[in-house]
Amino acid sequence: MEQNVNILITERNSHVREFLKRELAGEGFLVHLAENGLEMLNKVFSREPLDILILDPDLPDTNIPDILEKINDRVPRLPVVFHTFPLDYHQYAGIIQGGVFVEKQGSSVEKIKHIIYDILKNKNSLKANLNKV
């Protein structure tokens, strides 16, 4: 269980949002929610630290390429896990580079958990190597 890991879930479907929140909070993560692009950007660039963004790119009234460009300019860089359907993946394939894709399905939360732990492991490895220098 990770301490003080802040995850932002941006998902238009409130049932999916709450399900992911419950599952990830059960792992000990601090989970924040956004239901649209504006709310997401406000949280991404707020003073509250974020470690990972879980994003369904099928958001209403949102230009995902523009939003991702803003997110990619964030310092420190925010890892993005795209949680979407395969058809949406193909639509956004060009902009998903640098993120991780998880297909929405019944067991996708388990895949998301594994990806989060991999991201955190790599982040901790990098910190350890930087401390050796």
Protein backbone atom coordinates (compact mmCIF):
# COMPACT_ATOMS: atom_id res chain seq x y z
CA MET A 1 0.00 0.00 0.00
CA GLU A 2 1.41 3.36 -1.05
CA GLN A 3 1.26 6.34 1.28
CA ASN A 4 0.32 9.80 0.00
CA VAL A 5 -0.07 8.82 -3.64
CA ASN A 6 -2.56 11.20 -5.25
CA ILE A 7 -4.52 9.90 -8.22
CA LEU A 8 -6.94 11.94 -10.31
CA ILE A 9 -9.68 10.02 -12.10
CA THR A 10 -11.33 11.90 -14.95
CA GLU A 11 -14.34 10.01 -16.22
CA ARG A 12 -17.68 11.23 -17.54
CA ASN A 13 -19.63 8.21 -16.21
CA SER A 14 -20.30 8.73 -12.50
CA HIS A 15 -20.70 4.99 -11.86
CA VAL A 16 -17.29 4.19 -13.37
CA ARG A 17 -15.74 7.17 -11.56
CA GLU A 18 -17.06 6.03 -8.18
CA PHE A 19 -16.15 2.38 -8.82
CA LEU A 20 -12.55 3.29 -9.67
CA LYS A 21 -12.38 5.61 -6.68
CA ARG A 22 -13.60 2.89 -4.32
CA GLU A 23 -11.19 0.29 -5.71
CA LEU A 24 -8.13 2.57 -5.68
CA ALA A 25 -8.94 4.07 -2.28
CA GLY A 26 -9.12 0.48 -1.05
CA GLU A 27 -5.47 0.14 -2.10
CA GLY A 28 -4.61 3.14 0.07
CA PHE A 29 -4.35 5.78 -2.65
CA LEU A 30 -5.71 9.29 -2.21
CA VAL A 31 -8.24 9.60 -5.01
CA HIS A 32 -9.59 12.82 -6.53
CA LEU A 33 -12.35 12.98 -9.12
CA ALA A 34 -13.17 15.10 -12.16
CA GLU A 35 -16.07 14.64 -14.54
CA ASN A 36 -14.97 16.96 -17.35
CA GLY A 37 -11.90 18.53 -18.91
CA LEU A 38 -12.15 21.90 -17.16
CA GLU A 39 -12.44 20.30 -13.74
CA MET A 40 -9.51 18.02 -14.61
CA LEU A 41 -7.27 20.91 -15.69
CA ASN A 42 -8.11 22.85 -12.54
CA LYS A 43 -7.02 19.89 -10.43
CA VAL A 44 -3.96 19.06 -12.54
CA PHE A 45 -2.65 22.59 -12.11
CA SER A 46 -3.78 23.16 -8.51
CA ARG A 47 -1.48 23.20 -5.51
CA GLU A 48 -2.59 19.69 -4.58
CA PRO A 49 0.15 17.32 -5.75
CA LEU A 50 -0.86 14.64 -8.24
CA ASP A 51 1.10 11.51 -9.07
CA ILE A 52 -1.06 9.84 -11.74
CA LEU A 53 -3.96 10.80 -13.99
CA ILE A 54 -6.49 8.18 -15.08
CA LEU A 55 -8.32 9.63 -18.06
CA ASP A 56 -11.23 8.62 -20.22
CA PRO A 57 -10.56 10.80 -23.29
CA ASP A 58 -14.24 10.64 -24.30
CA LEU A 59 -15.18 13.76 -22.34
CA PRO A 60 -18.01 16.08 -23.36
CA ASP A 61 -17.17 19.57 -24.61
CA THR A 62 -13.44 18.87 -24.37
CA ASN A 63 -10.71 19.07 -26.98
CA ILE A 64 -8.51 16.20 -25.77
CA PRO A 65 -5.46 17.02 -27.96
CA ASP A 66 -5.36 20.57 -26.54
CA ILE A 67 -5.82 19.37 -22.97
CA LEU A 68 -3.12 16.71 -23.33
CA GLU A 69 -0.73 19.29 -24.72
CA LYS A 70 -1.27 21.37 -21.57
CA ILE A 71 -0.87 18.34 -19.32
CA ASN A 72 2.35 17.32 -21.09
CA ASP A 73 3.78 20.77 -20.35
CA ARG A 74 3.24 20.24 -16.63
CA VAL A 75 6.29 20.06 -14.39
CA PRO A 76 6.76 17.54 -12.97
CA ARG A 77 5.37 15.43 -15.79
CA LEU A 78 2.16 13.64 -14.90
CA PRO A 79 1.87 9.99 -15.95
CA VAL A 80 -1.43 9.37 -17.78
CA VAL A 81 -3.37 6.10 -17.89
CA PHE A 82 -5.95 6.21 -20.67
CA HIS A 83 -9.02 4.19 -19.70
CA THR A 84 -11.18 3.87 -22.78
CA PHE A 85 -12.79 1.58 -25.31
CA PRO A 86 -10.76 0.21 -28.25
CA LEU A 87 -12.64 2.36 -30.77
CA ASP A 88 -11.72 5.48 -28.80
CA TYR A 89 -8.14 4.26 -28.55
CA HIS A 90 -7.81 4.25 -32.33
CA GLN A 91 -9.28 7.73 -32.50
CA TYR A 92 -6.72 9.04 -29.98
CA ALA A 93 -3.77 6.78 -30.85
CA GLY A 94 -1.62 9.68 -32.02
CA ILE A 95 -1.99 11.61 -28.79
CA ILE A 96 -1.84 8.67 -26.41
CA GLN A 97 1.90 8.34 -26.98
CA GLY A 98 3.67 8.65 -23.69
CA GLY A 99 0.68 7.29 -21.79
CA VAL A 100 -0.57 3.82 -21.07
CA PHE A 101 -3.77 2.40 -22.59
CA VAL A 102 -6.17 0.21 -20.60
CA GLU A 103 -9.25 -1.11 -22.35
CA LYS A 104 -12.50 -0.53 -20.48
CA GLN A 105 -13.88 -3.90 -19.48
CA GLY A 106 -14.95 -5.76 -16.36
CA SER A 107 -11.43 -6.46 -15.11
CA SER A 108 -9.80 -3.21 -16.20
CA VAL A 109 -9.46 -1.93 -12.62
CA GLU A 110 -6.99 -4.75 -11.87
CA LYS A 111 -4.90 -3.74 -14.89
CA ILE A 112 -5.03 -0.12 -13.75
CA LYS A 113 -3.77 -1.13 -10.30
CA HIS A 114 -0.83 -3.04 -11.81
CA ILE A 115 0.05 -0.09 -14.03
CA ILE A 116 -0.09 2.31 -11.08
CA TYR A 117 2.27 0.11 -9.07
CA ASP A 118 4.63 -0.12 -12.07
CA ILE A 119 4.62 3.67 -12.47
CA LEU A 120 5.34 4.13 -8.77
CA LYS A 121 8.08 1.49 -8.80
CA ASN A 122 9.78 3.21 -11.75
CA LYS A 123 9.40 6.61 -10.10
CA ASN A 124 10.95 5.31 -6.86
CA SER A 125 13.76 3.65 -8.84
CA LEU A 126 14.53 6.92 -10.58
CA LYS A 127 14.55 8.80 -7.27
CA ALA A 128 16.92 6.23 -5.76
CA ASN A 129 19.29 6.50 -8.74
CA LEU A 130 19.23 10.30 -8.61
CA ASN A 131 20.08 10.20 -4.90
CA LYS A 132 23.19 8.14 -5.68
CA VAL A 133 24.58 10.84 -7.95
